[in-house]
Amino acid sequence: MNAPALTKNQALVFEVLERADGPLSAYTILDKLRDHGFRAPLQVYRALEKLLEYGVVHRLESINAFVACAHPEQNCHSHGIVAFAICESCGHVLEFHDHEVDHRLMNWTRGKKFKAEKTTIEIRGLCEACAA
């Protein structure tokens, strides 16, 4: 992982997300960490905030949930736009990058003199297994 040394709480939250089969809400993370001394949502949100900043966790805006980065050893911020395909049946999330999409969106924002601060691409539907 390319992040600075994690605090105990950050490491625990990251481990829960790494082991998860799909995206988790902050409250689900809290429930999984109660035996480790987590008592309040704020503990989870503070840890998530730093993990997001470090680029090792992503927030899925459309479902208000979090996933561990598919490749935390690399810095996602350096890849450009991160996109997600989210299966609405099984919850599987596929993280991917498409440099063509990056370039088109960057060209569009430059052409409109728009200063993008955050871009999230989420495609919701059915994964190959659920669609079969």
N, C-alpha and C. Protein backbone atom coordinates (compact mmCIF):
# COMPACT_ATOMS: atom_id res chain seq x y z
N MET A 1 0.85 -1.17 0.00
CA MET A 1 0.00 0.00 0.00
C MET A 1 0.89 1.22 0.00
N ASN A 2 0.53 2.22 -0.76
CA ASN A 2 1.33 3.41 -0.95
C ASN A 2 0.95 4.53 0.00
N ALA A 3 0.24 4.24 1.05
CA ALA A 3 -0.22 5.25 1.99
C ALA A 3 0.77 5.37 3.13
N PRO A 4 0.73 6.51 3.83
CA PRO A 4 1.54 6.64 5.04
C PRO A 4 1.11 5.57 6.05
N ALA A 5 1.88 5.43 7.10
CA ALA A 5 1.52 4.46 8.14
C ALA A 5 0.11 4.76 8.63
N LEU A 6 -0.71 3.72 8.68
CA LEU A 6 -2.10 3.90 9.10
C LEU A 6 -2.22 3.82 10.60
N THR A 7 -3.18 4.57 11.14
CA THR A 7 -3.50 4.45 12.55
C THR A 7 -4.19 3.10 12.76
N LYS A 8 -4.37 2.73 14.00
CA LYS A 8 -5.04 1.46 14.31
C LYS A 8 -6.44 1.44 13.69
N ASN A 9 -7.21 2.50 13.88
CA ASN A 9 -8.58 2.54 13.35
C ASN A 9 -8.59 2.50 11.83
N GLN A 10 -7.68 3.24 11.19
CA GLN A 10 -7.61 3.23 9.73
C GLN A 10 -7.28 1.83 9.23
N ALA A 11 -6.33 1.17 9.88
CA ALA A 11 -5.93 -0.18 9.47
C ALA A 11 -7.10 -1.16 9.63
N LEU A 12 -7.84 -1.05 10.72
CA LEU A 12 -8.99 -1.94 10.94
C LEU A 12 -10.07 -1.73 9.89
N VAL A 13 -10.38 -0.47 9.58
CA VAL A 13 -11.40 -0.18 8.57
C VAL A 13 -10.93 -0.69 7.21
N PHE A 14 -9.67 -0.45 6.88
CA PHE A 14 -9.14 -0.91 5.60
C PHE A 14 -9.20 -2.43 5.48
N GLU A 15 -8.85 -3.14 6.56
CA GLU A 15 -8.89 -4.61 6.56
C GLU A 15 -10.31 -5.12 6.33
N VAL A 16 -11.30 -4.49 6.96
CA VAL A 16 -12.70 -4.89 6.77
C VAL A 16 -13.09 -4.74 5.29
N LEU A 17 -12.70 -3.62 4.70
CA LEU A 17 -13.05 -3.38 3.30
C LEU A 17 -12.30 -4.33 2.37
N GLU A 18 -11.05 -4.64 2.69
CA GLU A 18 -10.27 -5.57 1.86
C GLU A 18 -10.88 -6.97 1.87
N ARG A 19 -11.42 -7.39 3.01
CA ARG A 19 -11.99 -8.73 3.14
C ARG A 19 -13.42 -8.82 2.63
N ALA A 20 -14.06 -7.69 2.44
CA ALA A 20 -15.48 -7.67 2.05
C ALA A 20 -15.67 -8.20 0.63
N ASP A 21 -16.81 -8.85 0.42
CA ASP A 21 -17.16 -9.37 -0.90
C ASP A 21 -17.75 -8.29 -1.80
N GLY A 22 -18.12 -7.16 -1.22
CA GLY A 22 -18.73 -6.08 -1.98
C GLY A 22 -18.62 -4.79 -1.20
N PRO A 23 -19.24 -3.75 -1.69
CA PRO A 23 -19.18 -2.46 -1.01
C PRO A 23 -19.88 -2.51 0.34
N LEU A 24 -19.38 -1.70 1.28
CA LEU A 24 -19.95 -1.65 2.62
C LEU A 24 -20.29 -0.21 3.00
N SER A 25 -21.39 -0.04 3.70
CA SER A 25 -21.73 1.28 4.23
C SER A 25 -20.89 1.51 5.50
N ALA A 26 -20.80 2.75 5.90
CA ALA A 26 -20.05 3.07 7.12
C ALA A 26 -20.66 2.37 8.33
N TYR A 27 -21.98 2.25 8.34
CA TYR A 27 -22.64 1.59 9.48
C TYR A 27 -22.38 0.09 9.50
N THR A 28 -22.26 -0.52 8.35
CA THR A 28 -21.91 -1.95 8.29
C THR A 28 -20.48 -2.14 8.79
N ILE A 29 -19.59 -1.22 8.41
CA ILE A 29 -18.21 -1.29 8.89
C ILE A 29 -18.20 -1.14 10.40
N LEU A 30 -18.97 -0.20 10.92
CA LEU A 30 -19.07 0.00 12.37
C LEU A 30 -19.52 -1.28 13.06
N ASP A 31 -20.54 -1.93 12.53
CA ASP A 31 -21.04 -3.17 13.13
C ASP A 31 -19.95 -4.25 13.16
N LYS A 32 -19.16 -4.33 12.10
CA LYS A 32 -18.11 -5.34 12.01
C LYS A 32 -16.95 -5.05 12.97
N LEU A 33 -16.83 -3.80 13.40
CA LEU A 33 -15.69 -3.41 14.24
C LEU A 33 -16.05 -3.13 15.70
N ARG A 34 -17.27 -3.43 16.08
CA ARG A 34 -17.68 -3.17 17.48
C ARG A 34 -16.81 -3.95 18.47
N ASP A 35 -16.42 -5.17 18.12
CA ASP A 35 -15.57 -5.97 19.01
C ASP A 35 -14.15 -5.40 19.12
N HIS A 36 -13.81 -4.46 18.26
CA HIS A 36 -12.49 -3.83 18.28
C HIS A 36 -12.55 -2.45 18.92
N GLY A 37 -13.64 -2.15 19.61
CA GLY A 37 -13.75 -0.90 20.34
C GLY A 37 -14.43 0.23 19.60
N PHE A 38 -14.91 -0.01 18.40
CA PHE A 38 -15.61 1.05 17.67
C PHE A 38 -17.00 1.19 18.27
N ARG A 39 -17.36 2.43 18.62
CA ARG A 39 -18.66 2.68 19.23
C ARG A 39 -19.49 3.70 18.47
N ALA A 40 -18.84 4.56 17.70
CA ALA A 40 -19.57 5.66 17.06
C ALA A 40 -19.24 5.73 15.57
N PRO A 41 -20.23 6.14 14.78
CA PRO A 41 -19.99 6.27 13.34
C PRO A 41 -18.83 7.22 13.02
N LEU A 42 -18.63 8.24 13.86
CA LEU A 42 -17.57 9.20 13.62
C LEU A 42 -16.19 8.54 13.55
N GLN A 43 -15.98 7.48 14.34
CA GLN A 43 -14.71 6.76 14.28
C GLN A 43 -14.49 6.17 12.89
N VAL A 44 -15.53 5.61 12.32
CA VAL A 44 -15.44 5.01 10.99
C VAL A 44 -15.26 6.10 9.95
N TYR A 45 -16.05 7.16 10.04
CA TYR A 45 -15.98 8.23 9.04
C TYR A 45 -14.61 8.91 9.03
N ARG A 46 -14.02 9.11 10.20
CA ARG A 46 -12.68 9.72 10.25
C ARG A 46 -11.65 8.82 9.57
N ALA A 47 -11.73 7.52 9.84
CA ALA A 47 -10.80 6.58 9.21
C ALA A 47 -11.01 6.55 7.70
N LEU A 48 -12.28 6.50 7.28
CA LEU A 48 -12.59 6.48 5.85
C LEU A 48 -12.09 7.74 5.15
N GLU A 49 -12.25 8.88 5.79
CA GLU A 49 -11.81 10.14 5.21
C GLU A 49 -10.32 10.09 4.86
N LYS A 50 -9.51 9.59 5.78
CA LYS A 50 -8.06 9.48 5.53
C LYS A 50 -7.76 8.42 4.48
N LEU A 51 -8.44 7.29 4.53
CA LEU A 51 -8.21 6.24 3.54
C LEU A 51 -8.58 6.71 2.14
N LEU A 52 -9.64 7.51 2.03
CA LEU A 52 -10.01 8.12 0.74
C LEU A 52 -8.91 9.07 0.28
N GLU A 53 -8.42 9.87 1.20
CA GLU A 53 -7.35 10.83 0.89
C GLU A 53 -6.10 10.10 0.41
N TYR A 54 -5.78 8.96 1.02
CA TYR A 54 -4.60 8.18 0.64
C TYR A 54 -4.81 7.43 -0.68
N GLY A 55 -6.05 7.35 -1.14
CA GLY A 55 -6.34 6.69 -2.41
C GLY A 55 -6.40 5.17 -2.33
N VAL A 56 -6.59 4.62 -1.12
CA VAL A 56 -6.66 3.17 -0.97
C VAL A 56 -8.09 2.66 -0.81
N VAL A 57 -9.03 3.60 -0.71
CA VAL A 57 -10.44 3.29 -0.58
C VAL A 57 -11.20 4.23 -1.52
N HIS A 58 -12.31 3.75 -2.05
CA HIS A 58 -13.16 4.58 -2.91
C HIS A 58 -14.57 4.63 -2.34
N ARG A 59 -15.22 5.77 -2.55
CA ARG A 59 -16.63 5.91 -2.16
C ARG A 59 -17.47 5.76 -3.41
N LEU A 60 -18.44 4.88 -3.34
CA LEU A 60 -19.40 4.72 -4.43
C LEU A 60 -20.58 5.63 -4.12
N GLU A 61 -20.63 6.73 -4.83
CA GLU A 61 -21.60 7.79 -4.54
C GLU A 61 -23.04 7.31 -4.64
N SER A 62 -23.35 6.55 -5.69
CA SER A 62 -24.75 6.20 -5.95
C SER A 62 -25.35 5.27 -4.91
N ILE A 63 -24.51 4.54 -4.20
CA ILE A 63 -25.04 3.62 -3.18
C ILE A 63 -24.51 3.96 -1.78
N ASN A 64 -23.80 5.08 -1.67
CA ASN A 64 -23.27 5.55 -0.39
C ASN A 64 -22.55 4.43 0.36
N ALA A 65 -21.58 3.84 -0.33
CA ALA A 65 -20.83 2.73 0.25
C ALA A 65 -19.36 2.87 -0.15
N PHE A 66 -18.53 2.03 0.45
CA PHE A 66 -17.09 2.13 0.26
C PHE A 66 -16.52 0.78 -0.16
N VAL A 67 -15.45 0.83 -0.96
CA VAL A 67 -14.73 -0.38 -1.37
C VAL A 67 -13.24 -0.10 -1.27
N ALA A 68 -12.48 -1.16 -1.01
CA ALA A 68 -11.02 -1.04 -1.04
C ALA A 68 -10.61 -0.88 -2.50
N CYS A 69 -9.57 -0.11 -2.73
CA CYS A 69 -9.06 0.07 -4.08
C CYS A 69 -8.60 -1.28 -4.62
N ALA A 70 -8.85 -1.53 -5.89
CA ALA A 70 -8.49 -2.80 -6.51
C ALA A 70 -6.97 -2.96 -6.63
N HIS A 71 -6.24 -1.88 -6.57
CA HIS A 71 -4.78 -1.93 -6.66
C HIS A 71 -4.17 -0.86 -5.77
N PRO A 72 -4.22 -1.06 -4.44
CA PRO A 72 -3.75 -0.03 -3.50
C PRO A 72 -2.25 0.22 -3.57
N GLU A 73 -1.49 -0.70 -4.18
CA GLU A 73 -0.05 -0.48 -4.29
C GLU A 73 0.28 0.63 -5.28
N GLN A 74 -0.68 0.97 -6.12
CA GLN A 74 -0.53 2.09 -7.06
C GLN A 74 -1.37 3.24 -6.53
N ASN A 75 -1.04 4.43 -6.93
CA ASN A 75 -1.81 5.58 -6.49
C ASN A 75 -2.93 5.84 -7.49
N CYS A 76 -4.16 5.61 -7.09
CA CYS A 76 -5.30 5.78 -8.00
C CYS A 76 -5.41 7.21 -8.52
N HIS A 77 -4.97 8.16 -7.70
CA HIS A 77 -5.06 9.55 -8.13
C HIS A 77 -4.22 9.81 -9.37
N SER A 78 -3.18 9.00 -9.59
CA SER A 78 -2.30 9.21 -10.74
C SER A 78 -2.87 8.57 -12.01
N HIS A 79 -3.90 7.75 -11.89
CA HIS A 79 -4.49 7.07 -13.05
C HIS A 79 -5.51 7.91 -13.78
N GLY A 80 -5.88 9.02 -13.22
CA GLY A 80 -6.96 9.79 -13.82
C GLY A 80 -8.28 9.35 -13.21
N ILE A 81 -9.29 9.28 -14.04
CA ILE A 81 -10.63 8.98 -13.56
C ILE A 81 -10.78 7.49 -13.28
N VAL A 82 -11.30 7.19 -12.11
CA VAL A 82 -11.59 5.82 -11.74
C VAL A 82 -13.07 5.59 -12.00
N ALA A 83 -13.38 4.47 -12.61
CA ALA A 83 -14.78 4.15 -12.91
C ALA A 83 -15.13 2.82 -12.25
N PHE A 84 -16.42 2.63 -12.02
CA PHE A 84 -16.89 1.43 -11.35
C PHE A 84 -18.10 0.87 -12.08
N ALA A 85 -18.11 -0.44 -12.25
CA ALA A 85 -19.29 -1.15 -12.73
C ALA A 85 -19.86 -1.88 -11.51
N ILE A 86 -21.09 -1.56 -11.15
CA ILE A 86 -21.70 -2.08 -9.93
C ILE A 86 -22.87 -2.98 -10.31
N CYS A 87 -22.80 -4.25 -9.89
CA CYS A 87 -23.89 -5.18 -10.16
C CYS A 87 -25.01 -4.93 -9.15
N GLU A 88 -26.19 -4.68 -9.66
CA GLU A 88 -27.33 -4.41 -8.79
C GLU A 88 -27.95 -5.68 -8.23
N SER A 89 -27.50 -6.84 -8.71
CA SER A 89 -28.03 -8.09 -8.21
C SER A 89 -27.14 -8.66 -7.09
N CYS A 90 -25.86 -8.88 -7.38
CA CYS A 90 -24.98 -9.51 -6.39
C CYS A 90 -24.11 -8.51 -5.63
N GLY A 91 -24.05 -7.27 -6.11
CA GLY A 91 -23.27 -6.25 -5.42
C GLY A 91 -21.80 -6.20 -5.81
N HIS A 92 -21.37 -7.08 -6.71
CA HIS A 92 -19.97 -7.08 -7.12
C HIS A 92 -19.61 -5.74 -7.76
N VAL A 93 -18.41 -5.25 -7.45
CA VAL A 93 -17.93 -3.99 -8.00
C VAL A 93 -16.65 -4.24 -8.76
N LEU A 94 -16.61 -3.79 -10.00
CA LEU A 94 -15.42 -3.89 -10.83
C LEU A 94 -14.88 -2.48 -11.02
N GLU A 95 -13.64 -2.26 -10.58
CA GLU A 95 -12.98 -0.96 -10.73
C GLU A 95 -12.17 -0.98 -12.01
N PHE A 96 -12.25 0.11 -12.79
CA PHE A 96 -11.47 0.15 -14.02
C PHE A 96 -11.11 1.58 -14.40
N HIS A 97 -10.15 1.69 -15.31
CA HIS A 97 -9.69 2.97 -15.83
C HIS A 97 -9.77 2.90 -17.35
N ASP A 98 -10.15 3.98 -17.97
CA ASP A 98 -10.18 4.05 -19.42
C ASP A 98 -9.57 5.39 -19.81
N HIS A 99 -8.36 5.33 -20.36
CA HIS A 99 -7.65 6.56 -20.68
C HIS A 99 -8.34 7.38 -21.77
N GLU A 100 -9.06 6.72 -22.67
CA GLU A 100 -9.81 7.46 -23.69
C GLU A 100 -10.89 8.33 -23.05
N VAL A 101 -11.60 7.75 -22.08
CA VAL A 101 -12.63 8.51 -21.36
C VAL A 101 -11.97 9.65 -20.59
N ASP A 102 -10.83 9.37 -19.94
CA ASP A 102 -10.09 10.42 -19.23
C ASP A 102 -9.82 11.60 -20.15
N HIS A 103 -9.24 11.31 -21.31
CA HIS A 103 -8.85 12.36 -22.25
C HIS A 103 -10.07 13.14 -22.75
N ARG A 104 -11.14 12.45 -23.08
CA ARG A 104 -12.34 13.14 -23.59
C ARG A 104 -12.92 14.07 -22.53
N LEU A 105 -12.99 13.58 -21.30
CA LEU A 105 -13.55 14.43 -20.24
C LEU A 105 -12.62 15.60 -19.91
N MET A 106 -11.32 15.36 -19.90
CA MET A 106 -10.38 16.47 -19.64
C MET A 106 -10.46 17.51 -20.76
N ASN A 107 -10.56 17.06 -22.00
CA ASN A 107 -10.68 17.99 -23.12
C ASN A 107 -11.98 18.79 -23.01
N TRP A 108 -13.06 18.14 -22.63
CA TRP A 108 -14.35 18.81 -22.49
C TRP A 108 -14.26 19.89 -21.40
N THR A 109 -13.70 19.51 -20.23
CA THR A 109 -13.62 20.49 -19.13
C THR A 109 -12.73 21.67 -19.51
N ARG A 110 -11.61 21.38 -20.17
CA ARG A 110 -10.72 22.47 -20.62
C ARG A 110 -11.46 23.37 -21.61
N GLY A 111 -12.16 22.77 -22.56
CA GLY A 111 -12.88 23.53 -23.57
C GLY A 111 -13.96 24.42 -22.96
N LYS A 112 -14.56 23.98 -21.87
CA LYS A 112 -15.60 24.76 -21.20
C LYS A 112 -15.04 25.64 -20.09
N LYS A 113 -13.70 25.59 -19.93
CA LYS A 113 -13.02 26.33 -18.85
C LYS A 113 -13.63 25.99 -17.49
N PHE A 114 -13.96 24.71 -17.33
CA PHE A 114 -14.55 24.20 -16.10
C PHE A 114 -13.46 23.52 -15.29
N LYS A 115 -13.33 23.89 -14.02
CA LYS A 115 -12.30 23.30 -13.16
C LYS A 115 -12.92 22.15 -12.37
N ALA A 116 -12.72 20.93 -12.87
CA ALA A 116 -13.29 19.75 -12.20
C ALA A 116 -12.49 19.46 -10.93
N GLU A 117 -13.21 19.22 -9.85
CA GLU A 117 -12.58 18.88 -8.59
C GLU A 117 -12.72 17.40 -8.26
N LYS A 118 -13.77 16.80 -8.78
CA LYS A 118 -14.01 15.39 -8.49
C LYS A 118 -14.86 14.80 -9.61
N THR A 119 -14.47 13.62 -10.06
CA THR A 119 -15.25 12.94 -11.10
C THR A 119 -15.44 11.50 -10.65
N THR A 120 -16.67 11.06 -10.66
CA THR A 120 -16.98 9.68 -10.32
C THR A 120 -17.84 9.10 -11.44
N ILE A 121 -17.39 7.99 -11.99
CA ILE A 121 -18.18 7.32 -13.01
C ILE A 121 -18.63 5.98 -12.43
N GLU A 122 -19.93 5.79 -12.40
CA GLU A 122 -20.49 4.54 -11.90
C GLU A 122 -21.49 4.02 -12.92
N ILE A 123 -21.27 2.79 -13.33
CA ILE A 123 -22.18 2.13 -14.26
C ILE A 123 -22.90 1.06 -13.45
N ARG A 124 -24.22 1.15 -13.40
CA ARG A 124 -25.00 0.18 -12.62
C ARG A 124 -25.76 -0.72 -13.57
N GLY A 125 -25.77 -1.99 -13.24
CA GLY A 125 -26.46 -2.97 -14.08
C GLY A 125 -26.22 -4.35 -13.54
N LEU A 126 -26.05 -5.32 -14.44
CA LEU A 126 -25.83 -6.70 -14.03
C LEU A 126 -24.47 -7.19 -14.51
N CYS A 127 -23.76 -7.86 -13.63
CA CYS A 127 -22.46 -8.43 -14.01
C CYS A 127 -22.72 -9.63 -14.95
N GLU A 128 -21.66 -10.14 -15.51
CA GLU A 128 -21.79 -11.26 -16.46
C GLU A 128 -22.50 -12.45 -15.84
N ALA A 129 -22.14 -12.79 -14.60
CA ALA A 129 -22.75 -13.97 -13.96
C ALA A 129 -24.24 -13.76 -13.70
N CYS A 130 -24.62 -12.57 -13.23
CA CYS A 130 -26.03 -12.33 -12.91
C CYS A 130 -26.87 -12.14 -14.18
N ALA A 131 -26.27 -11.65 -15.23
CA ALA A 131 -26.99 -11.44 -16.48
C ALA A 131 -27.25 -12.75 -17.24
N ALA A 132 -26.46 -13.78 -16.90
CA ALA A 132 -26.59 -15.07 -17.61
C ALA A 132 -27.87 -15.80 -17.23
